Amino acid sequence: MDYKLAVFQGKKLRKLFLNDEWWFSVIDVIEILTDSTKPRDYWYRMKQRVKSESGVELSTNCRQLKMLASDGKMRFTDCANTEHVFRIIQSIPSPKAEPFKRWLAKVGYERVEEIENPELAQERMKELYEKKGYPQDWIDKRIRGIAVRQNLTDEWKERGITTQKDYAILTAEISKATFGMTPSQYKHHKGIPQTSKANLRDHMTDLELIFTMLGERVTTEISQNENPEGMIENKKVAKRGGRVAGNARKETEKEIGKTIISRKNYLSLEIPEANAEIEDENE
């Protein structure tokens, strides 16, 4: 577990990284968005009000986790993950919570638009990368890589591979054969914190993206030609596809006289887009 303090609107927000996701102190969220001098009482009354109005138990998805209390001791307190924090915010009748509610409504509306017109999702993705400061030629490769990845996961579904865990295992096989590292090892190599939800590919150079695409595209082609069944056979195909990209990488490195595997990352560009939009509404 990784316990940290964050500062939000000048106030402390306790958070804990557990099971690959952040958990936030509900009491702290309420104190920040309501200015209540008794946030615990506020949380209790809010749960009662929401339950009586809609029958919804806000605390159902909360977890009791130990966090540092004001007296310096570790004490259990209600915590919620990001999704449930947003649900709780929707139930807070406070002017300070309104910008968050408007932002959530905007995101929801955009999602409906993207379902009706998938091209909008790609355009918004490009805009997001542009706002973060990525070069245009890098963005083009990243978007193309997403399409290649989608084709591969569609192929895996056809082969009966459907869980995210299995996707991760097969992806690791391609990555090891291409770069000699699993994605988690690659993130460590690039100095990306393990507690970060950052996508490794958002921190790859142009050439790293190209060879990632090559490994996944070749894997897709082999799979379509041979129709492997089960994880064992699909792992073999993933290794072969990655090996093609790995051999091409090594040949390229000989020609250019340097390694393609880079420690470079784009962490300096990782600006929380949601917070930026919320702050804009407050200006």
Protein backbone atom coordinates (compact mmCIF):
# COMPACT_ATOMS: atom_id res chain seq x y z
CA MET A 1 0.00 0.00 0.00
CA ASP A 2 1.18 3.51 -0.82
CA TYR A 3 -0.22 6.25 1.43
CA LYS A 4 0.09 9.88 0.36
CA LEU A 5 -1.23 13.33 1.07
CA ALA A 6 -2.43 15.46 -1.83
CA VAL A 7 -3.21 19.16 -1.70
CA PHE A 8 -6.48 20.17 -3.35
CA GLN A 9 -7.79 23.75 -3.29
CA GLY A 10 -5.34 24.46 -0.47
CA LYS A 11 -6.57 21.60 1.71
CA LYS A 12 -5.16 18.15 2.38
CA LEU A 13 -6.74 15.13 0.75
CA ARG A 14 -5.61 11.75 2.05
CA LYS A 15 -5.31 8.99 -0.52
CA LEU A 16 -4.09 5.41 -0.59
CA PHE A 17 -2.93 3.30 -3.54
CA LEU A 18 -4.33 -0.20 -3.08
CA ASN A 19 -4.94 -3.02 -5.57
CA ASP A 20 -3.90 -0.88 -8.55
CA GLU A 21 -6.19 2.05 -7.82
CA TRP A 22 -6.34 5.17 -5.65
CA TRP A 23 -8.70 5.36 -2.67
CA PHE A 24 -9.61 8.76 -1.24
CA SER A 25 -10.79 9.81 2.19
CA VAL A 26 -14.50 10.60 1.85
CA ILE A 27 -14.37 12.88 4.89
CA ASP A 28 -11.61 14.95 3.27
CA VAL A 29 -13.56 15.25 0.01
CA ILE A 30 -16.62 16.47 1.89
CA GLU A 31 -14.61 18.96 3.94
CA ILE A 32 -13.03 20.41 0.79
CA LEU A 33 -16.30 20.74 -1.14
CA THR A 34 -18.56 21.93 1.67
CA ASP A 35 -16.36 23.86 4.14
CA SER A 36 -18.19 21.92 6.83
CA THR A 37 -16.60 22.15 10.27
CA LYS A 38 -17.98 18.69 11.03
CA PRO A 39 -17.48 16.66 7.83
CA ARG A 40 -18.11 13.34 9.60
CA ASP A 41 -21.55 14.53 10.68
CA TYR A 42 -22.17 15.89 7.19
CA TRP A 43 -21.26 12.50 5.65
CA TYR A 44 -23.57 10.68 8.06
CA ARG A 45 -26.53 13.00 7.32
CA MET A 46 -25.88 12.87 3.58
CA LYS A 47 -25.96 9.07 3.59
CA GLN A 48 -29.27 9.13 5.46
CA ARG A 49 -30.75 11.72 3.09
CA VAL A 50 -29.73 9.89 -0.09
CA LYS A 51 -30.99 6.58 1.28
CA SER A 52 -34.37 8.04 2.18
CA GLU A 53 -34.71 9.84 -1.18
CA SER A 54 -33.51 7.15 -3.54
CA GLY A 55 -32.84 4.00 -1.53
CA VAL A 56 -29.16 4.18 -2.50
CA GLU A 57 -26.52 3.29 0.10
CA LEU A 58 -23.60 5.61 -0.62
CA SER A 59 -21.34 3.69 1.73
CA THR A 60 -21.88 0.35 -0.05
CA ASN A 61 -18.88 0.87 -2.32
CA CYS A 62 -16.72 2.47 0.35
CA ARG A 63 -13.95 0.65 2.21
CA GLN A 64 -12.69 1.16 5.73
CA LEU A 65 -8.98 1.85 5.35
CA LYS A 66 -6.36 3.09 7.80
CA MET A 67 -5.17 6.65 7.20
CA LEU A 68 -3.23 9.16 9.25
CA ALA A 69 -5.65 11.04 11.50
CA SER A 70 -5.27 14.58 12.88
CA ASP A 71 -3.97 13.13 16.17
CA GLY A 72 -1.05 11.53 14.33
CA LYS A 73 -2.39 7.98 14.60
CA MET A 74 -3.45 5.60 11.83
CA ARG A 75 -7.21 5.18 12.07
CA PHE A 76 -9.88 3.53 9.94
CA THR A 77 -11.97 5.87 7.81
CA ASP A 78 -14.40 5.59 4.89
CA CYS A 79 -12.58 5.62 1.55
CA ALA A 80 -13.86 5.57 -2.02
CA ASN A 81 -12.21 4.96 -5.38
CA THR A 82 -12.33 7.55 -8.15
CA GLU A 83 -15.60 6.35 -9.64
CA HIS A 84 -17.45 6.33 -6.34
CA VAL A 85 -15.98 9.68 -5.27
CA PHE A 86 -17.66 11.18 -8.34
CA ARG A 87 -20.93 9.53 -7.33
CA ILE A 88 -20.63 11.01 -3.84
CA ILE A 89 -19.87 14.47 -5.27
CA GLN A 90 -23.11 14.30 -7.25
CA SER A 91 -24.99 14.07 -3.95
CA ILE A 92 -23.30 17.07 -2.33
CA PRO A 93 -25.64 20.14 -2.47
CA SER A 94 -22.84 22.69 -2.31
CA PRO A 95 -21.79 25.51 -4.70
CA LYS A 96 -18.23 24.20 -4.52
CA ALA A 97 -19.37 20.86 -5.94
CA GLU A 98 -21.17 22.41 -8.92
CA PRO A 99 -18.10 22.72 -11.20
CA PHE A 100 -17.45 19.00 -10.73
CA LYS A 101 -21.07 18.17 -11.48
CA ARG A 102 -21.01 20.28 -14.65
CA TRP A 103 -17.80 18.62 -15.75
CA LEU A 104 -19.26 15.13 -15.14
CA ALA A 105 -22.36 16.08 -17.15
CA LYS A 106 -20.14 17.34 -19.97
CA VAL A 107 -18.06 14.14 -19.99
CA GLY A 108 -21.24 12.02 -19.98
CA TYR A 109 -22.69 13.98 -22.89
CA GLU A 110 -19.47 13.65 -24.89
CA ARG A 111 -19.44 9.91 -24.25
CA VAL A 112 -22.97 9.59 -25.67
CA GLU A 113 -21.86 11.59 -28.72
CA GLU A 114 -18.88 9.28 -29.22
CA ILE A 115 -21.09 6.19 -29.11
CA GLU A 116 -23.24 7.70 -31.87
CA ASN A 117 -20.19 8.91 -33.84
CA PRO A 118 -16.96 7.01 -32.98
CA GLU A 119 -14.87 9.44 -35.07
CA LEU A 120 -15.46 12.09 -32.40
CA ALA A 121 -13.60 9.93 -29.86
CA GLN A 122 -10.52 9.88 -32.08
CA GLU A 123 -10.67 13.64 -32.68
CA ARG A 124 -10.97 14.33 -28.95
CA MET A 125 -8.09 11.99 -28.27
CA LYS A 126 -5.94 13.97 -30.71
CA GLU A 127 -6.96 17.22 -29.04
CA LEU A 128 -6.05 15.83 -25.63
CA TYR A 129 -2.56 14.84 -26.77
CA GLU A 130 -2.13 18.24 -28.44
CA LYS A 131 -3.12 20.06 -25.24
CA LYS A 132 -0.58 18.05 -23.30
CA GLY A 133 2.11 19.14 -25.73
CA TYR A 134 2.91 15.99 -27.70
CA PRO A 135 4.42 16.52 -31.21
CA GLN A 136 1.98 16.07 -34.09
CA ASP A 137 4.00 13.30 -35.78
CA TRP A 138 4.10 11.41 -32.46
CA ILE A 139 0.33 11.81 -32.10
CA ASP A 140 -0.23 10.34 -35.57
CA LYS A 141 1.81 7.24 -34.65
CA ARG A 142 0.06 6.91 -31.29
CA ILE A 143 -3.39 7.03 -32.89
CA ARG A 144 -2.33 4.49 -35.50
CA GLY A 145 -0.96 2.28 -32.73
CA ILE A 146 -4.32 2.36 -30.97
CA ALA A 147 -6.00 1.07 -34.16
CA VAL A 148 -3.41 -1.71 -34.49
CA ARG A 149 -3.95 -2.66 -30.85
CA GLN A 150 -7.72 -2.73 -31.34
CA ASN A 151 -7.36 -5.08 -34.31
CA LEU A 152 -5.23 -7.39 -32.16
CA THR A 153 -7.67 -7.50 -29.25
CA ASP A 154 -10.52 -8.12 -31.70
CA GLU A 155 -8.54 -11.06 -33.07
CA TRP A 156 -7.92 -12.39 -29.56
CA LYS A 157 -11.66 -12.24 -28.89
CA GLU A 158 -12.20 -14.33 -31.98
CA ARG A 159 -9.78 -16.87 -30.52
CA GLY A 160 -11.75 -16.97 -27.24
CA ILE A 161 -9.40 -14.70 -25.25
CA THR A 162 -11.63 -12.17 -23.50
CA THR A 163 -10.27 -11.16 -20.08
CA GLN A 164 -8.01 -8.18 -19.39
CA LYS A 165 -5.70 -10.46 -17.42
CA ASP A 166 -5.17 -12.71 -20.45
CA TYR A 167 -4.67 -9.68 -22.69
CA ALA A 168 -1.97 -8.49 -20.29
CA ILE A 169 -0.23 -11.87 -20.35
CA LEU A 170 -0.18 -12.01 -24.15
CA THR A 171 0.91 -8.37 -24.40
CA ALA A 172 3.79 -9.11 -22.02
CA GLU A 173 4.92 -11.95 -24.32
CA ILE A 174 5.01 -9.61 -27.32
CA SER A 175 6.83 -6.93 -25.32
CA LYS A 176 9.46 -9.35 -23.97
CA ALA A 177 10.18 -10.65 -27.46
CA THR A 178 10.28 -7.14 -28.93
CA PHE A 179 12.15 -5.19 -26.25
CA GLY A 180 13.38 -7.81 -23.77
CA MET A 181 11.09 -6.41 -21.06
CA THR A 182 7.50 -6.77 -19.93
CA PRO A 183 5.42 -3.56 -19.89
CA SER A 184 5.80 -3.23 -16.10
CA GLN A 185 9.58 -3.66 -16.39
CA TYR A 186 9.60 -1.12 -19.21
CA LYS A 187 7.73 1.41 -17.06
CA HIS A 188 10.32 0.93 -14.34
CA HIS A 189 13.08 1.39 -16.92
CA LYS A 190 11.52 4.71 -17.95
CA GLY A 191 11.10 5.88 -14.35
CA ILE A 192 7.29 5.82 -14.45
CA PRO A 193 5.94 5.30 -10.89
CA GLN A 194 4.21 1.96 -10.38
CA THR A 195 1.37 3.84 -8.66
CA SER A 196 0.80 5.81 -11.85
CA LYS A 197 -2.08 4.86 -14.14
CA ALA A 198 -0.05 6.20 -17.05
CA ASN A 199 -0.12 4.13 -20.22
CA LEU A 200 3.41 3.01 -21.12
CA ARG A 201 2.78 3.83 -24.79
CA ASP A 202 2.14 7.47 -23.90
CA HIS A 203 5.80 7.56 -22.82
CA MET A 204 7.33 5.83 -25.82
CA THR A 205 9.45 7.50 -28.49
CA ASP A 206 8.49 7.34 -32.16
CA LEU A 207 10.64 4.27 -32.82
CA GLU A 208 9.40 2.48 -29.70
CA LEU A 209 5.84 3.03 -30.91
CA ILE A 210 6.73 1.76 -34.38
CA PHE A 211 8.23 -1.50 -33.14
CA THR A 212 5.35 -1.96 -30.69
CA MET A 213 2.96 -1.67 -33.64
CA LEU A 214 5.05 -4.07 -35.70
CA GLY A 215 5.01 -6.76 -33.00
CA GLU A 216 1.25 -6.46 -32.52
CA ARG A 217 0.44 -6.30 -36.23
CA VAL A 218 2.55 -9.37 -37.03
CA THR A 219 0.93 -11.23 -34.12
CA THR A 220 -2.49 -10.38 -35.57
CA GLU A 221 -1.49 -11.62 -39.02
CA ILE A 222 -0.10 -14.91 -37.71
CA SER A 223 -3.20 -15.46 -35.59
CA GLN A 224 -5.53 -14.79 -38.53
CA ASN A 225 -3.56 -17.26 -40.66
CA GLU A 226 -3.30 -20.06 -38.09
CA ASN A 227 -6.37 -19.63 -35.83
CA PRO A 228 -4.66 -20.66 -32.55
CA GLU A 229 -6.85 -22.00 -29.75
CA GLY A 230 -6.38 -21.41 -26.02
CA MET A 231 -3.78 -19.44 -24.09
CA ILE A 232 -0.87 -21.78 -24.73
CA GLU A 233 -1.18 -21.55 -28.51
CA ASN A 234 -1.87 -17.82 -28.44
CA LYS A 235 1.20 -17.24 -26.25
CA LYS A 236 3.32 -19.00 -28.85
CA VAL A 237 1.89 -16.76 -31.56
CA ALA A 238 2.48 -13.65 -29.44
CA LYS A 239 6.13 -14.64 -28.92
CA ARG A 240 6.59 -15.17 -32.65
CA GLY A 241 5.03 -11.85 -33.53
CA GLY A 242 7.16 -10.08 -30.94
CA ARG A 243 10.27 -11.91 -32.13
CA VAL A 244 9.82 -10.48 -35.64
CA ALA A 245 9.69 -6.97 -34.19
CA GLY A 246 12.59 -7.75 -31.85
CA ASN A 247 14.81 -8.90 -34.70
CA ALA A 248 13.88 -5.82 -36.72
CA ARG A 249 14.70 -3.63 -33.71
CA LYS A 250 18.13 -5.20 -33.31
CA GLU A 251 18.91 -4.78 -37.02
CA THR A 252 17.82 -1.15 -36.83
CA GLU A 253 20.02 -0.56 -33.79
CA LYS A 254 23.02 -1.93 -35.71
CA GLU A 255 22.34 0.45 -38.58
CA ILE A 256 21.83 3.58 -36.49
CA GLY A 257 24.48 2.72 -33.93
CA LYS A 258 22.37 3.18 -30.81
CA THR A 259 19.68 1.47 -28.80
CA ILE A 260 16.01 2.14 -29.49
CA ILE A 261 15.01 1.27 -25.93
CA SER A 262 14.84 4.67 -24.28
CA ARG A 263 14.57 5.96 -20.73
CA LYS A 264 12.74 9.00 -22.05
CA ASN A 265 9.23 9.63 -20.73
CA TYR A 266 6.60 12.34 -21.06
CA LEU A 267 5.73 12.65 -17.38
CA SER A 268 6.13 16.41 -17.60
CA LEU A 269 3.19 16.45 -20.02
CA GLU A 270 0.89 14.41 -17.79
CA ILE A 271 -1.53 17.16 -16.80
CA PRO A 272 -4.82 15.95 -15.29
CA GLU A 273 -7.24 17.06 -17.99
CA ALA A 274 -10.28 16.79 -15.74
CA ASN A 275 -8.82 19.18 -13.15
CA ALA A 276 -7.79 21.61 -15.90
CA GLU A 277 -11.34 21.79 -17.25
CA ILE A 278 -12.84 22.14 -13.80
CA GLU A 279 -10.49 24.98 -12.94
CA ASP A 280 -11.33 26.69 -16.23
CA GLU A 281 -15.00 26.79 -15.22
CA ASN A 282 -14.03 28.53 -11.98
CA GLU A 283 -12.15 31.34 -13.73
